């Protein structure tokens, strides 16, 4: 899903420490957006971003979706039936 700039609460990466849960730094947000996070099954999860002027931005809602996707991969691994 893409960020809807008209309906979501945009957060410049430079303000991520103040406005997002767990205070991620600019560098960490940038890495999550460009390199992603490797989850189980080698599936990569990326933080959605848009550029407003020259500033990369994400949204509170995109950050939540990113965290949910990372958590869902963990749950899928835990929910596998035992042999």
N, C-alpha and C. Protein backbone atom coordinates (compact mmCIF):
# COMPACT_ATOMS: atom_id res chain seq x y z
N UNK A 1 0.84 -1.18 0.00
CA UNK A 1 0.00 0.00 0.00
C UNK A 1 0.89 1.24 0.00
N UNK A 2 0.52 2.23 -0.74
CA UNK A 2 1.29 3.46 -0.82
C UNK A 2 0.76 4.50 0.16
N UNK A 3 1.61 5.43 0.51
CA UNK A 3 1.22 6.52 1.41
C UNK A 3 0.28 7.46 0.67
N UNK A 4 -0.83 7.78 1.30
CA UNK A 4 -1.76 8.77 0.78
C UNK A 4 -1.42 10.10 1.45
N UNK A 5 -0.76 10.99 0.72
CA UNK A 5 -0.26 12.23 1.33
C UNK A 5 -1.37 13.17 1.77
N UNK A 6 -2.58 12.97 1.28
CA UNK A 6 -3.69 13.84 1.65
C UNK A 6 -4.44 13.35 2.89
N UNK A 7 -4.31 12.08 3.22
CA UNK A 7 -5.08 11.53 4.34
C UNK A 7 -4.24 11.02 5.51
N UNK A 8 -2.95 10.81 5.30
CA UNK A 8 -2.10 10.27 6.36
C UNK A 8 -1.26 11.38 6.98
N UNK A 9 -0.85 11.14 8.23
CA UNK A 9 -0.06 12.11 9.00
C UNK A 9 1.41 11.95 8.62
N UNK A 10 1.91 12.83 7.72
CA UNK A 10 3.29 12.72 7.24
C UNK A 10 4.29 13.12 8.33
N UNK A 11 5.41 12.38 8.35
CA UNK A 11 6.48 12.64 9.31
C UNK A 11 7.80 12.67 8.54
N UNK A 12 8.46 13.83 8.47
CA UNK A 12 9.79 13.87 7.85
C UNK A 12 10.74 12.97 8.64
N UNK A 13 11.66 12.31 7.96
CA UNK A 13 12.61 11.44 8.64
C UNK A 13 13.35 12.19 9.75
N UNK A 14 13.62 13.49 9.53
CA UNK A 14 14.35 14.27 10.53
C UNK A 14 13.55 14.47 11.81
N UNK A 15 12.23 14.26 11.78
CA UNK A 15 11.40 14.40 12.97
C UNK A 15 10.96 13.05 13.54
N UNK A 16 11.45 11.97 12.97
CA UNK A 16 11.05 10.63 13.41
C UNK A 16 11.31 10.38 14.88
N UNK A 17 12.42 10.90 15.40
CA UNK A 17 12.75 10.70 16.82
C UNK A 17 11.69 11.29 17.74
N UNK A 18 11.09 12.38 17.33
CA UNK A 18 10.09 13.04 18.19
C UNK A 18 8.68 12.55 17.96
N UNK A 19 8.36 12.10 16.75
CA UNK A 19 6.96 11.86 16.42
C UNK A 19 6.55 10.41 16.23
N UNK A 20 7.50 9.48 16.22
CA UNK A 20 7.15 8.07 16.03
C UNK A 20 7.46 7.27 17.30
N UNK A 21 6.72 6.20 17.53
CA UNK A 21 7.00 5.35 18.70
C UNK A 21 8.41 4.77 18.65
N UNK A 22 9.01 4.60 19.77
CA UNK A 22 10.35 4.02 19.94
C UNK A 22 11.46 4.91 19.38
N UNK A 23 11.15 6.12 18.95
CA UNK A 23 12.13 7.15 18.56
C UNK A 23 13.19 6.67 17.56
N UNK A 24 12.79 6.20 16.37
CA UNK A 24 13.81 5.78 15.41
C UNK A 24 14.57 6.99 14.84
N UNK A 25 15.87 6.83 14.64
CA UNK A 25 16.69 7.92 14.12
C UNK A 25 16.47 8.08 12.61
N UNK A 26 16.95 9.19 12.08
CA UNK A 26 16.89 9.46 10.64
C UNK A 26 17.55 8.31 9.88
N UNK A 27 18.73 7.92 10.34
CA UNK A 27 19.50 6.88 9.66
C UNK A 27 18.75 5.54 9.65
N UNK A 28 18.14 5.21 10.76
CA UNK A 28 17.40 3.95 10.84
C UNK A 28 16.18 3.96 9.92
N UNK A 29 15.43 5.05 9.90
CA UNK A 29 14.29 5.16 9.00
C UNK A 29 14.74 5.04 7.55
N UNK A 30 15.85 5.69 7.22
CA UNK A 30 16.37 5.64 5.85
C UNK A 30 16.77 4.21 5.48
N UNK A 31 17.42 3.50 6.38
CA UNK A 31 17.80 2.10 6.10
C UNK A 31 16.58 1.23 5.91
N UNK A 32 15.56 1.39 6.78
CA UNK A 32 14.35 0.59 6.65
C UNK A 32 13.65 0.86 5.32
N UNK A 33 13.71 2.12 4.85
CA UNK A 33 13.04 2.49 3.59
C UNK A 33 13.83 2.01 2.37
N UNK A 34 15.15 2.03 2.43
CA UNK A 34 15.95 1.69 1.26
C UNK A 34 16.39 0.22 1.25
N UNK A 35 16.84 -0.29 2.37
CA UNK A 35 17.34 -1.67 2.43
C UNK A 35 16.29 -2.65 2.92
N UNK A 36 15.34 -2.17 3.71
CA UNK A 36 14.31 -3.03 4.27
C UNK A 36 14.84 -3.86 5.42
N UNK A 37 13.99 -4.75 5.88
CA UNK A 37 14.31 -5.67 6.96
C UNK A 37 14.05 -7.07 6.44
N UNK A 38 15.00 -7.98 6.65
CA UNK A 38 14.80 -9.36 6.20
C UNK A 38 14.02 -10.11 7.26
N UNK A 39 12.91 -10.66 6.85
CA UNK A 39 12.08 -11.44 7.76
C UNK A 39 12.26 -12.93 7.51
N UNK A 40 11.43 -13.73 8.15
CA UNK A 40 11.47 -15.17 7.93
C UNK A 40 11.12 -15.48 6.49
N UNK A 41 11.70 -16.51 5.95
CA UNK A 41 11.45 -16.86 4.57
C UNK A 41 12.15 -15.92 3.60
N UNK A 42 13.11 -15.14 4.12
CA UNK A 42 13.88 -14.19 3.31
C UNK A 42 13.03 -13.15 2.59
N UNK A 43 11.86 -12.88 3.12
CA UNK A 43 11.01 -11.84 2.54
C UNK A 43 11.41 -10.50 3.12
N UNK A 44 11.63 -9.53 2.25
CA UNK A 44 12.01 -8.18 2.70
C UNK A 44 10.78 -7.33 2.92
N UNK A 45 10.82 -6.56 3.99
CA UNK A 45 9.76 -5.62 4.33
C UNK A 45 10.39 -4.23 4.30
N UNK A 46 9.75 -3.30 3.59
CA UNK A 46 10.26 -1.93 3.45
C UNK A 46 9.32 -0.94 4.11
N UNK A 47 9.90 0.11 4.68
CA UNK A 47 9.12 1.22 5.20
C UNK A 47 8.74 2.11 4.02
N UNK A 48 7.46 2.38 3.87
CA UNK A 48 7.00 3.24 2.77
C UNK A 48 7.51 4.66 2.99
N UNK A 49 7.84 5.32 1.87
CA UNK A 49 8.32 6.70 1.97
C UNK A 49 7.89 7.48 0.74
N UNK A 50 7.82 8.77 0.92
CA UNK A 50 7.59 9.72 -0.18
C UNK A 50 8.58 10.86 0.03
N UNK A 51 8.86 11.58 -1.04
CA UNK A 51 9.74 12.73 -0.92
C UNK A 51 8.91 13.98 -1.06
N UNK A 52 9.00 14.85 -0.08
CA UNK A 52 8.31 16.14 -0.11
C UNK A 52 9.40 17.19 -0.20
N UNK A 53 9.52 17.80 -1.37
CA UNK A 53 10.67 18.68 -1.61
C UNK A 53 11.91 17.81 -1.67
N UNK A 54 12.87 18.09 -0.83
CA UNK A 54 14.08 17.26 -0.78
C UNK A 54 14.11 16.37 0.46
N UNK A 55 13.06 16.41 1.26
CA UNK A 55 13.01 15.68 2.52
C UNK A 55 12.26 14.35 2.37
N UNK A 56 12.91 13.21 2.67
CA UNK A 56 12.16 11.96 2.68
C UNK A 56 11.21 11.93 3.88
N UNK A 57 10.00 11.45 3.65
CA UNK A 57 8.98 11.39 4.69
C UNK A 57 8.33 10.02 4.70
N UNK A 58 7.82 9.66 5.84
CA UNK A 58 6.96 8.49 5.97
C UNK A 58 5.69 9.01 6.65
N UNK A 59 4.85 8.11 7.08
CA UNK A 59 3.67 8.54 7.81
C UNK A 59 3.51 7.66 9.04
N UNK A 60 2.75 8.15 9.98
CA UNK A 60 2.48 7.36 11.19
C UNK A 60 1.81 6.05 10.79
N UNK A 61 0.89 6.13 9.84
CA UNK A 61 0.15 4.95 9.39
C UNK A 61 1.08 3.97 8.66
N UNK A 62 2.01 4.50 7.83
CA UNK A 62 2.97 3.64 7.13
C UNK A 62 3.91 2.96 8.12
N UNK A 63 4.30 3.69 9.16
CA UNK A 63 5.15 3.10 10.19
C UNK A 63 4.42 1.96 10.90
N UNK A 64 3.14 2.14 11.16
CA UNK A 64 2.34 1.09 11.79
C UNK A 64 2.24 -0.13 10.86
N UNK A 65 1.99 0.11 9.57
CA UNK A 65 1.92 -1.00 8.61
C UNK A 65 3.24 -1.76 8.55
N UNK A 66 4.36 -1.02 8.56
CA UNK A 66 5.69 -1.62 8.55
C UNK A 66 5.88 -2.52 9.77
N UNK A 67 5.55 -2.00 10.94
CA UNK A 67 5.68 -2.77 12.19
C UNK A 67 4.77 -4.00 12.16
N UNK A 68 3.54 -3.84 11.66
CA UNK A 68 2.61 -4.97 11.57
C UNK A 68 3.15 -6.05 10.64
N UNK A 69 3.73 -5.66 9.49
CA UNK A 69 4.27 -6.64 8.56
C UNK A 69 5.44 -7.40 9.19
N UNK A 70 6.29 -6.70 9.92
CA UNK A 70 7.41 -7.37 10.59
C UNK A 70 6.89 -8.34 11.64
N UNK A 71 5.86 -7.94 12.37
CA UNK A 71 5.28 -8.79 13.42
C UNK A 71 4.54 -9.97 12.82
N UNK A 72 3.83 -9.77 11.70
CA UNK A 72 3.09 -10.86 11.07
C UNK A 72 4.02 -11.98 10.64
N UNK A 73 5.19 -11.64 10.13
CA UNK A 73 6.14 -12.66 9.73
C UNK A 73 6.57 -13.49 10.94
N UNK A 74 6.75 -12.83 12.08
CA UNK A 74 7.12 -13.56 13.29
C UNK A 74 6.01 -14.51 13.69
N UNK A 75 4.75 -14.04 13.63
CA UNK A 75 3.61 -14.87 14.03
C UNK A 75 3.46 -16.07 13.11
N UNK A 76 3.66 -15.90 11.80
CA UNK A 76 3.52 -17.01 10.87
C UNK A 76 4.51 -18.11 11.21
N UNK A 77 5.72 -17.74 11.59
CA UNK A 77 6.73 -18.73 11.96
C UNK A 77 6.31 -19.46 13.24
N UNK A 78 5.75 -18.73 14.21
CA UNK A 78 5.32 -19.33 15.48
C UNK A 78 4.11 -20.24 15.31
N UNK A 79 3.26 -19.96 14.32
CA UNK A 79 2.02 -20.70 14.16
C UNK A 79 2.15 -21.97 13.33
N UNK A 80 3.37 -22.29 12.88
CA UNK A 80 3.54 -23.52 12.10
C UNK A 80 3.23 -24.73 13.00
N UNK A 81 2.52 -25.72 12.47
CA UNK A 81 2.20 -26.89 13.31
C UNK A 81 3.44 -27.70 13.64
N UNK A 82 3.43 -28.25 14.82
CA UNK A 82 4.54 -29.10 15.24
C UNK A 82 4.41 -30.48 14.62
N UNK A 83 5.53 -31.08 14.31
CA UNK A 83 5.52 -32.41 13.69
C UNK A 83 5.69 -33.49 14.71
